[in-house]
Amino acid sequence: MHVLICGGGVIGTSVAYFLARRGVRSTVIEHSAVACAASGKSGGFLALDWCDGTPLETLARRSFALHAQLAEEVGDDWSYRRMTTFAGFTAARVDRASGGAFHLDWVADGVHLAQRLGRTQTTAQVHPGRFTQALVRAAQPHGADV
């Protein structure tokens, strides 16, 4: 079997990678370049539990775990990192002593961190372009072409 995949974004390259792991040859057809649009320019933000209680809960949790697994399996650098995340806002004047606020030395004085959104166990980030390109590189030795 030889599968043609239309689009060299994260979905197309993921399909190529997982088909390659199963011994299926594929060709990714892309007009411009791998990760040339949204798959190369998004924030690459991953959250474990932010969809809990919604129809996307299972998918979000599986995606979070899969990104960690792929970071170990593929062995390519796409800047996968676990991180603590915060929500905040900018203001002309921020009272750092106000209750519930977080202070980080590297955050500008005009930024008020109002809430911790996640910890390293629940939030992570990847470089989306590098991730997409790494999946193609990992698939190519197993019969995938672009």
N, C-alpha and C. Protein backbone atom coordinates (compact mmCIF):
# COMPACT_ATOMS: atom_id res chain seq x y z
N MET A 1 0.85 -1.17 0.00
CA MET A 1 0.00 0.00 0.00
C MET A 1 0.89 1.24 0.00
N HIS A 2 0.47 2.26 -0.72
CA HIS A 2 1.16 3.54 -0.76
C HIS A 2 0.09 4.62 -0.59
N VAL A 3 0.22 5.41 0.46
CA VAL A 3 -0.79 6.42 0.80
C VAL A 3 -0.29 7.80 0.39
N LEU A 4 -1.14 8.56 -0.28
CA LEU A 4 -0.85 9.96 -0.60
C LEU A 4 -1.51 10.83 0.45
N ILE A 5 -0.75 11.75 1.01
CA ILE A 5 -1.24 12.63 2.08
C ILE A 5 -1.19 14.06 1.55
N CYS A 6 -2.32 14.73 1.54
CA CYS A 6 -2.39 16.11 1.05
C CYS A 6 -2.14 17.06 2.22
N GLY A 7 -1.02 17.74 2.17
CA GLY A 7 -0.71 18.76 3.17
C GLY A 7 0.43 18.35 4.08
N GLY A 8 1.41 19.24 4.19
CA GLY A 8 2.59 18.99 5.03
C GLY A 8 2.53 19.75 6.33
N GLY A 9 1.34 19.89 6.87
CA GLY A 9 1.20 20.49 8.20
C GLY A 9 1.31 19.41 9.26
N VAL A 10 0.97 19.76 10.47
CA VAL A 10 1.12 18.83 11.58
C VAL A 10 0.25 17.59 11.41
N ILE A 11 -0.92 17.73 10.84
CA ILE A 11 -1.78 16.55 10.65
C ILE A 11 -1.20 15.63 9.58
N GLY A 12 -0.84 16.18 8.43
CA GLY A 12 -0.27 15.36 7.37
C GLY A 12 1.02 14.67 7.76
N THR A 13 1.90 15.39 8.45
CA THR A 13 3.17 14.78 8.85
C THR A 13 2.96 13.76 9.96
N SER A 14 1.99 13.99 10.82
CA SER A 14 1.68 13.00 11.85
C SER A 14 1.15 11.71 11.23
N VAL A 15 0.29 11.85 10.23
CA VAL A 15 -0.21 10.67 9.53
C VAL A 15 0.95 9.92 8.90
N ALA A 16 1.85 10.64 8.23
CA ALA A 16 3.02 9.99 7.60
C ALA A 16 3.87 9.27 8.64
N TYR A 17 4.10 9.90 9.78
CA TYR A 17 4.92 9.29 10.83
C TYR A 17 4.28 8.01 11.36
N PHE A 18 3.02 8.07 11.70
CA PHE A 18 2.37 6.89 12.28
C PHE A 18 2.15 5.78 11.26
N LEU A 19 1.95 6.13 9.99
CA LEU A 19 1.91 5.10 8.95
C LEU A 19 3.29 4.44 8.81
N ALA A 20 4.34 5.25 8.83
CA ALA A 20 5.71 4.73 8.71
C ALA A 20 6.02 3.76 9.84
N ARG A 21 5.56 4.07 11.03
CA ARG A 21 5.78 3.16 12.17
C ARG A 21 5.10 1.81 11.95
N ARG A 22 4.10 1.79 11.10
CA ARG A 22 3.38 0.54 10.81
C ARG A 22 3.82 -0.08 9.48
N GLY A 23 4.89 0.48 8.90
CA GLY A 23 5.44 -0.09 7.67
C GLY A 23 4.70 0.29 6.40
N VAL A 24 3.89 1.34 6.45
CA VAL A 24 3.13 1.78 5.28
C VAL A 24 3.86 2.95 4.63
N ARG A 25 4.13 2.83 3.32
CA ARG A 25 4.77 3.91 2.58
C ARG A 25 3.78 5.04 2.35
N SER A 26 4.29 6.26 2.38
CA SER A 26 3.42 7.42 2.12
C SER A 26 4.20 8.50 1.41
N THR A 27 3.46 9.36 0.74
CA THR A 27 4.03 10.55 0.13
C THR A 27 3.20 11.74 0.61
N VAL A 28 3.86 12.71 1.21
CA VAL A 28 3.21 13.94 1.64
C VAL A 28 3.31 14.92 0.48
N ILE A 29 2.18 15.41 0.02
CA ILE A 29 2.14 16.38 -1.07
C ILE A 29 1.88 17.76 -0.46
N GLU A 30 2.82 18.66 -0.66
CA GLU A 30 2.73 20.00 -0.08
C GLU A 30 3.12 21.03 -1.14
N HIS A 31 2.30 22.05 -1.31
CA HIS A 31 2.53 23.08 -2.32
C HIS A 31 3.76 23.93 -2.01
N SER A 32 3.95 24.29 -0.77
CA SER A 32 5.05 25.20 -0.41
C SER A 32 6.18 24.47 0.30
N ALA A 33 6.00 24.26 1.59
CA ALA A 33 7.03 23.60 2.40
C ALA A 33 6.36 23.02 3.65
N VAL A 34 7.02 22.05 4.24
CA VAL A 34 6.50 21.46 5.48
C VAL A 34 6.40 22.56 6.54
N ALA A 35 5.29 22.61 7.22
CA ALA A 35 5.03 23.56 8.31
C ALA A 35 5.11 25.02 7.85
N CYS A 36 4.64 25.29 6.62
CA CYS A 36 4.77 26.65 6.08
C CYS A 36 3.69 27.61 6.56
N ALA A 37 2.63 27.12 7.15
CA ALA A 37 1.54 28.02 7.58
C ALA A 37 1.28 27.83 9.07
N ALA A 38 0.04 27.57 9.46
CA ALA A 38 -0.33 27.50 10.88
C ALA A 38 0.49 26.47 11.65
N SER A 39 0.82 25.35 11.02
CA SER A 39 1.57 24.31 11.73
C SER A 39 3.00 24.74 12.06
N GLY A 40 3.46 25.81 11.47
CA GLY A 40 4.78 26.32 11.79
C GLY A 40 4.78 27.60 12.59
N LYS A 41 3.59 28.15 12.82
CA LYS A 41 3.53 29.47 13.44
C LYS A 41 2.61 29.55 14.66
N SER A 42 2.00 28.47 15.04
CA SER A 42 1.10 28.53 16.20
C SER A 42 1.92 28.66 17.48
N GLY A 43 1.25 28.78 18.60
CA GLY A 43 1.94 28.92 19.87
C GLY A 43 2.55 27.62 20.38
N GLY A 44 2.08 26.50 19.87
CA GLY A 44 2.61 25.22 20.30
C GLY A 44 2.34 24.90 21.75
N PHE A 45 1.27 25.44 22.28
CA PHE A 45 0.95 25.29 23.69
C PHE A 45 0.15 24.02 23.94
N LEU A 46 0.51 23.27 24.98
CA LEU A 46 -0.13 22.01 25.32
C LEU A 46 -0.63 22.07 26.77
N ALA A 47 -1.86 21.66 26.99
CA ALA A 47 -2.41 21.64 28.34
C ALA A 47 -3.11 20.31 28.59
N LEU A 48 -2.81 19.68 29.70
CA LEU A 48 -3.37 18.38 30.05
C LEU A 48 -4.85 18.44 30.38
N ASP A 49 -5.24 19.36 31.24
CA ASP A 49 -6.57 19.28 31.87
C ASP A 49 -7.51 20.45 31.59
N TRP A 50 -7.19 21.30 30.67
CA TRP A 50 -8.04 22.46 30.45
C TRP A 50 -9.34 22.13 29.74
N CYS A 51 -9.44 20.95 29.16
CA CYS A 51 -10.68 20.53 28.49
C CYS A 51 -11.47 19.54 29.33
N ASP A 52 -11.03 19.33 30.57
CA ASP A 52 -11.75 18.39 31.43
C ASP A 52 -13.21 18.80 31.56
N GLY A 53 -14.08 17.81 31.52
CA GLY A 53 -15.51 18.06 31.63
C GLY A 53 -16.16 18.42 30.30
N THR A 54 -15.38 18.42 29.21
CA THR A 54 -15.94 18.71 27.88
C THR A 54 -15.76 17.48 27.00
N PRO A 55 -16.39 17.48 25.83
CA PRO A 55 -16.20 16.34 24.92
C PRO A 55 -14.75 16.15 24.45
N LEU A 56 -13.90 17.17 24.62
CA LEU A 56 -12.51 17.08 24.19
C LEU A 56 -11.56 16.55 25.26
N GLU A 57 -12.08 16.24 26.43
CA GLU A 57 -11.22 15.83 27.55
C GLU A 57 -10.29 14.67 27.18
N THR A 58 -10.82 13.60 26.65
CA THR A 58 -10.01 12.42 26.34
C THR A 58 -8.95 12.75 25.29
N LEU A 59 -9.34 13.49 24.27
CA LEU A 59 -8.42 13.86 23.21
C LEU A 59 -7.29 14.75 23.74
N ALA A 60 -7.61 15.74 24.55
CA ALA A 60 -6.60 16.65 25.09
C ALA A 60 -5.61 15.90 25.99
N ARG A 61 -6.11 15.02 26.82
CA ARG A 61 -5.23 14.26 27.71
C ARG A 61 -4.33 13.31 26.91
N ARG A 62 -4.88 12.67 25.90
CA ARG A 62 -4.09 11.78 25.05
C ARG A 62 -3.03 12.56 24.28
N SER A 63 -3.39 13.72 23.77
CA SER A 63 -2.46 14.57 23.04
C SER A 63 -1.30 15.00 23.93
N PHE A 64 -1.61 15.41 25.15
CA PHE A 64 -0.56 15.85 26.08
C PHE A 64 0.43 14.71 26.34
N ALA A 65 -0.08 13.52 26.60
CA ALA A 65 0.78 12.36 26.87
C ALA A 65 1.56 11.97 25.61
N LEU A 66 0.92 12.05 24.45
CA LEU A 66 1.59 11.65 23.21
C LEU A 66 2.75 12.58 22.87
N HIS A 67 2.60 13.88 23.10
CA HIS A 67 3.71 14.79 22.84
C HIS A 67 4.92 14.45 23.72
N ALA A 68 4.70 14.13 24.96
CA ALA A 68 5.80 13.75 25.85
C ALA A 68 6.45 12.45 25.35
N GLN A 69 5.63 11.50 24.95
CA GLN A 69 6.14 10.23 24.44
C GLN A 69 6.96 10.44 23.16
N LEU A 70 6.46 11.25 22.24
CA LEU A 70 7.17 11.51 21.00
C LEU A 70 8.49 12.24 21.23
N ALA A 71 8.52 13.12 22.22
CA ALA A 71 9.76 13.83 22.52
C ALA A 71 10.87 12.85 22.90
N GLU A 72 10.52 11.76 23.56
CA GLU A 72 11.50 10.74 23.91
C GLU A 72 11.77 9.80 22.74
N GLU A 73 10.74 9.37 22.04
CA GLU A 73 10.85 8.40 20.95
C GLU A 73 11.62 8.89 19.75
N VAL A 74 11.27 10.05 19.27
CA VAL A 74 11.79 10.54 18.00
C VAL A 74 13.23 11.03 18.15
N GLY A 75 13.56 11.61 19.27
CA GLY A 75 14.94 12.02 19.51
C GLY A 75 15.40 13.20 18.68
N ASP A 76 14.50 14.02 18.22
CA ASP A 76 14.82 15.23 17.46
C ASP A 76 14.48 16.42 18.35
N ASP A 77 15.12 17.54 18.13
CA ASP A 77 14.86 18.69 19.00
C ASP A 77 13.78 19.59 18.41
N TRP A 78 12.62 19.63 19.05
CA TRP A 78 11.59 20.57 18.64
C TRP A 78 11.19 21.44 19.82
N SER A 79 12.10 21.57 20.76
CA SER A 79 11.93 22.46 21.92
C SER A 79 10.74 22.08 22.78
N TYR A 80 10.49 20.78 22.92
CA TYR A 80 9.45 20.34 23.85
C TYR A 80 9.93 20.66 25.26
N ARG A 81 9.08 21.30 26.03
CA ARG A 81 9.43 21.59 27.42
C ARG A 81 8.19 21.70 28.27
N ARG A 82 8.28 21.13 29.45
CA ARG A 82 7.23 21.31 30.45
C ARG A 82 7.44 22.68 31.07
N MET A 83 6.36 23.33 31.44
CA MET A 83 6.48 24.69 31.98
C MET A 83 5.32 25.04 32.91
N THR A 84 5.61 25.96 33.81
CA THR A 84 4.56 26.55 34.63
C THR A 84 4.00 27.74 33.86
N THR A 85 2.68 27.88 33.83
CA THR A 85 2.05 28.94 33.07
C THR A 85 1.21 29.83 33.98
N PHE A 86 1.12 31.09 33.59
CA PHE A 86 0.37 32.08 34.35
C PHE A 86 -0.54 32.87 33.41
N ALA A 87 -1.60 33.44 33.95
CA ALA A 87 -2.44 34.39 33.23
C ALA A 87 -2.21 35.74 33.88
N GLY A 88 -2.22 36.77 33.05
CA GLY A 88 -1.99 38.09 33.60
C GLY A 88 -2.46 39.17 32.66
N PHE A 89 -2.14 40.38 33.03
CA PHE A 89 -2.51 41.53 32.22
C PHE A 89 -1.51 42.64 32.47
N THR A 90 -1.50 43.61 31.58
CA THR A 90 -0.62 44.75 31.76
C THR A 90 -1.41 45.92 32.31
N ALA A 91 -0.74 46.72 33.05
CA ALA A 91 -1.35 47.91 33.63
C ALA A 91 -0.27 48.96 33.83
N ALA A 92 -0.67 50.21 33.81
CA ALA A 92 0.30 51.27 34.01
C ALA A 92 0.96 51.15 35.38
N ARG A 93 0.18 50.70 36.33
CA ARG A 93 0.71 50.56 37.69
C ARG A 93 0.17 49.27 38.29
N VAL A 94 1.04 48.45 38.80
CA VAL A 94 0.64 47.18 39.37
C VAL A 94 1.04 47.15 40.83
N ASP A 95 0.08 46.86 41.70
CA ASP A 95 0.36 46.72 43.12
C ASP A 95 0.77 45.28 43.39
N ARG A 96 2.05 45.04 43.53
CA ARG A 96 2.57 43.68 43.71
C ARG A 96 2.13 43.07 45.04
N ALA A 97 1.70 43.89 45.96
CA ALA A 97 1.30 43.37 47.26
C ALA A 97 -0.15 42.91 47.29
N SER A 98 -0.87 43.11 46.17
CA SER A 98 -2.29 42.72 46.17
C SER A 98 -2.42 41.22 46.30
N GLY A 99 -3.45 40.78 46.95
CA GLY A 99 -3.67 39.36 47.21
C GLY A 99 -3.83 38.54 45.95
N GLY A 100 -3.30 37.34 45.96
CA GLY A 100 -3.46 36.40 44.87
C GLY A 100 -2.51 36.60 43.71
N ALA A 101 -1.71 37.64 43.72
CA ALA A 101 -0.79 37.89 42.62
C ALA A 101 0.50 37.10 42.81
N PHE A 102 1.14 36.78 41.70
CA PHE A 102 2.42 36.09 41.72
C PHE A 102 3.49 37.07 41.28
N HIS A 103 4.68 36.93 41.81
CA HIS A 103 5.78 37.81 41.40
C HIS A 103 6.93 36.95 40.90
N LEU A 104 7.36 37.24 39.69
CA LEU A 104 8.54 36.60 39.11
C LEU A 104 9.51 37.71 38.74
N ASP A 105 10.75 37.58 39.13
CA ASP A 105 11.73 38.64 38.90
C ASP A 105 11.90 38.99 37.42
N TRP A 106 11.72 38.03 36.53
CA TRP A 106 11.96 38.27 35.11
C TRP A 106 10.75 38.87 34.39
N VAL A 107 9.63 39.05 35.08
CA VAL A 107 8.44 39.66 34.47
C VAL A 107 8.47 41.16 34.71
N ALA A 108 8.20 41.94 33.67
CA ALA A 108 8.24 43.39 33.75
C ALA A 108 7.29 43.91 34.83
N ASP A 109 7.63 45.04 35.40
CA ASP A 109 6.82 45.62 36.47
C ASP A 109 5.39 45.94 36.03
N GLY A 110 5.17 46.22 34.75
CA GLY A 110 3.84 46.55 34.28
C GLY A 110 2.95 45.34 34.03
N VAL A 111 3.42 44.15 34.37
CA VAL A 111 2.64 42.94 34.16
C VAL A 111 2.17 42.40 35.50
N HIS A 112 0.87 42.17 35.60
CA HIS A 112 0.27 41.62 36.81
C HIS A 112 -0.09 40.15 36.54
N LEU A 113 0.58 39.24 37.23
CA LEU A 113 0.28 37.81 37.09
C LEU A 113 -0.82 37.48 38.09
N ALA A 114 -2.02 37.30 37.59
CA ALA A 114 -3.18 37.16 38.45
C ALA A 114 -3.47 35.72 38.85
N GLN A 115 -3.02 34.75 38.04
CA GLN A 115 -3.45 33.38 38.27
C GLN A 115 -2.42 32.40 37.68
N ARG A 116 -2.14 31.33 38.41
CA ARG A 116 -1.34 30.24 37.85
C ARG A 116 -2.30 29.32 37.10
N LEU A 117 -2.01 29.06 35.83
CA LEU A 117 -2.87 28.23 35.00
C LEU A 117 -2.46 26.76 35.02
N GLY A 118 -1.19 26.52 35.17
CA GLY A 118 -0.71 25.15 35.15
C GLY A 118 0.70 25.04 35.66
N ARG A 119 1.08 23.85 35.99
CA ARG A 119 2.45 23.56 36.45
C ARG A 119 3.11 22.64 35.43
N THR A 120 4.36 22.29 35.68
CA THR A 120 5.09 21.46 34.74
C THR A 120 4.44 20.10 34.52
N GLN A 121 3.61 19.67 35.44
CA GLN A 121 2.90 18.39 35.27
C GLN A 121 1.71 18.52 34.33
N THR A 122 1.25 19.76 34.08
CA THR A 122 0.01 19.92 33.33
C THR A 122 0.11 20.83 32.11
N THR A 123 1.20 21.55 31.92
CA THR A 123 1.33 22.40 30.74
C THR A 123 2.72 22.25 30.14
N ALA A 124 2.78 22.38 28.82
CA ALA A 124 4.03 22.24 28.09
C ALA A 124 3.95 23.06 26.81
N GLN A 125 5.08 23.12 26.10
CA GLN A 125 5.12 23.86 24.85
C GLN A 125 6.08 23.16 23.90
N VAL A 126 5.79 23.24 22.62
CA VAL A 126 6.69 22.76 21.58
C VAL A 126 6.89 23.89 20.58
N HIS A 127 7.96 23.79 19.80
CA HIS A 127 8.12 24.69 18.66
C HIS A 127 7.37 24.00 17.51
N PRO A 128 6.22 24.52 17.08
CA PRO A 128 5.36 23.78 16.15
C PRO A 128 6.02 23.48 14.80
N GLY A 129 6.80 24.42 14.27
CA GLY A 129 7.46 24.16 12.99
C GLY A 129 8.49 23.06 13.10
N ARG A 130 9.29 23.12 14.14
CA ARG A 130 10.31 22.08 14.35
C ARG A 130 9.66 20.72 14.62
N PHE A 131 8.57 20.71 15.37
CA PHE A 131 7.86 19.47 15.65
C PHE A 131 7.36 18.83 14.35
N THR A 132 6.72 19.63 13.51
CA THR A 132 6.18 19.13 12.25
C THR A 132 7.29 18.61 11.34
N GLN A 133 8.39 19.34 11.24
CA GLN A 133 9.52 18.92 10.42
C GLN A 133 10.19 17.66 10.98
N ALA A 134 10.26 17.55 12.30
CA ALA A 134 10.87 16.37 12.92
C ALA A 134 10.07 15.11 12.63
N LEU A 135 8.74 15.23 12.60
CA LEU A 135 7.93 14.05 12.28
C LEU A 135 8.21 13.55 10.87
N VAL A 136 8.38 14.46 9.93
CA VAL A 136 8.71 14.05 8.56
C VAL A 136 10.08 13.38 8.53
N ARG A 137 11.06 13.98 9.19
CA ARG A 137 12.41 13.38 9.21
C ARG A 137 12.38 11.99 9.82
N ALA A 138 11.57 11.81 10.86
CA ALA A 138 11.48 10.49 11.50
C ALA A 138 10.78 9.48 10.61
N ALA A 139 9.86 9.93 9.77
CA ALA A 139 9.12 9.02 8.89
C ALA A 139 9.90 8.65 7.63
N GLN A 140 10.77 9.52 7.17
CA GLN A 140 11.46 9.29 5.89
C GLN A 140 12.30 8.02 5.83
N PRO A 141 13.05 7.66 6.85
CA PRO A 141 13.82 6.41 6.76
C PRO A 141 12.94 5.16 6.66
N HIS A 142 11.65 5.31 6.93
CA HIS A 142 10.72 4.18 6.91
C HIS A 142 9.78 4.23 5.71
N GLY A 143 10.18 4.98 4.67
CA GLY A 143 9.42 4.96 3.42
C GLY A 143 8.54 6.15 3.14
N ALA A 144 8.59 7.19 3.95
CA ALA A 144 7.79 8.39 3.65
C ALA A 144 8.60 9.34 2.77
N ASP A 145 7.92 9.99 1.86
CA ASP A 145 8.53 10.99 0.97
C ASP A 145 7.72 12.27 1.06
N VAL A 146 8.36 13.38 0.71
CA VAL A 146 7.66 14.67 0.63
C VAL A 146 7.80 15.13 -0.80
